[in-house]
Amino acid sequence: RKVVKRNGSIMLKAFDCEEIKELERELRGEYKVLRRFIPKAKRKTSSEFYFIGLGKRF
């Protein structure tokens, strides 16, 4: 969490699981903007997606 500078951005690859809602809640508190991005070029059976966080708060 101390790697990203204030007002910095991240792109985090994630997979759908039970803990993902907790992670999303934490990230929403740390970034001004948080989006889920699902790439079009993925396997239909894959549960992968990306979190894109913009504007780190701390």
Protein backbone atom coordinates (compact mmCIF):
# COMPACT_ATOMS: atom_id res chain seq x y z
CA ARG A 1 0.00 0.00 0.00
CA LYS A 2 2.94 2.34 0.43
CA VAL A 3 4.21 1.68 -3.08
CA VAL A 4 1.74 3.97 -4.87
CA LYS A 5 2.34 7.69 -4.38
CA ARG A 6 -0.38 10.15 -3.46
CA ASN A 7 -2.63 10.85 -6.47
CA GLY A 8 -1.07 7.79 -8.14
CA SER A 9 -2.89 5.06 -10.06
CA ILE A 10 -3.01 1.25 -10.11
CA MET A 11 -4.23 -1.52 -12.35
CA LEU A 12 -4.77 -4.75 -10.42
CA LYS A 13 -5.70 -8.08 -11.98
CA ALA A 14 -8.19 -10.03 -9.88
CA PHE A 15 -10.39 -13.11 -10.04
CA ASP A 16 -13.92 -13.34 -8.69
CA CYS A 17 -13.95 -15.00 -5.25
CA GLU A 18 -15.50 -14.59 -1.81
CA GLU A 19 -12.91 -12.06 -0.58
CA ILE A 20 -13.14 -9.75 -3.60
CA LYS A 21 -15.93 -7.59 -2.16
CA GLU A 22 -13.80 -6.81 0.89
CA LEU A 23 -10.83 -5.90 -1.32
CA GLU A 24 -13.05 -3.68 -3.47
CA ARG A 25 -14.38 -1.89 -0.37
CA GLU A 26 -10.82 -1.22 0.84
CA LEU A 27 -9.70 0.05 -2.56
CA ARG A 28 -12.73 2.37 -2.82
CA GLY A 29 -11.58 3.99 0.42
CA GLU A 30 -8.03 4.46 -0.89
CA TYR A 31 -8.74 5.79 -4.41
CA LYS A 32 -10.89 8.68 -5.60
CA VAL A 33 -12.07 6.62 -8.60
CA LEU A 34 -12.24 2.82 -8.74
CA ARG A 35 -13.51 0.93 -11.77
CA ARG A 36 -13.88 -2.74 -12.64
CA PHE A 37 -12.72 -3.50 -16.17
CA ILE A 38 -13.52 -6.78 -17.93
CA PRO A 39 -11.47 -7.22 -21.10
CA LYS A 40 -13.35 -8.24 -24.23
CA ALA A 41 -10.54 -10.58 -25.24
CA LYS A 42 -10.90 -13.07 -22.38
CA ARG A 43 -12.11 -16.63 -22.21
CA LYS A 44 -15.81 -16.95 -21.53
CA THR A 45 -15.12 -19.31 -18.62
CA SER A 46 -12.57 -16.98 -16.99
CA SER A 47 -13.56 -14.93 -13.95
CA GLU A 48 -10.70 -12.46 -14.40
CA PHE A 49 -11.17 -8.70 -14.33
CA TYR A 50 -9.11 -5.64 -13.44
CA PHE A 51 -9.47 -2.95 -10.81
CA ILE A 52 -8.35 0.45 -12.06
CA GLY A 53 -7.77 2.92 -9.24
CA LEU A 54 -7.14 6.60 -9.93
CA GLY A 55 -6.08 9.30 -7.47
CA LYS A 56 -4.67 7.61 -4.36
CA ARG A 57 -5.97 9.46 -1.33
CA PHE A 58 -3.18 8.98 1.24
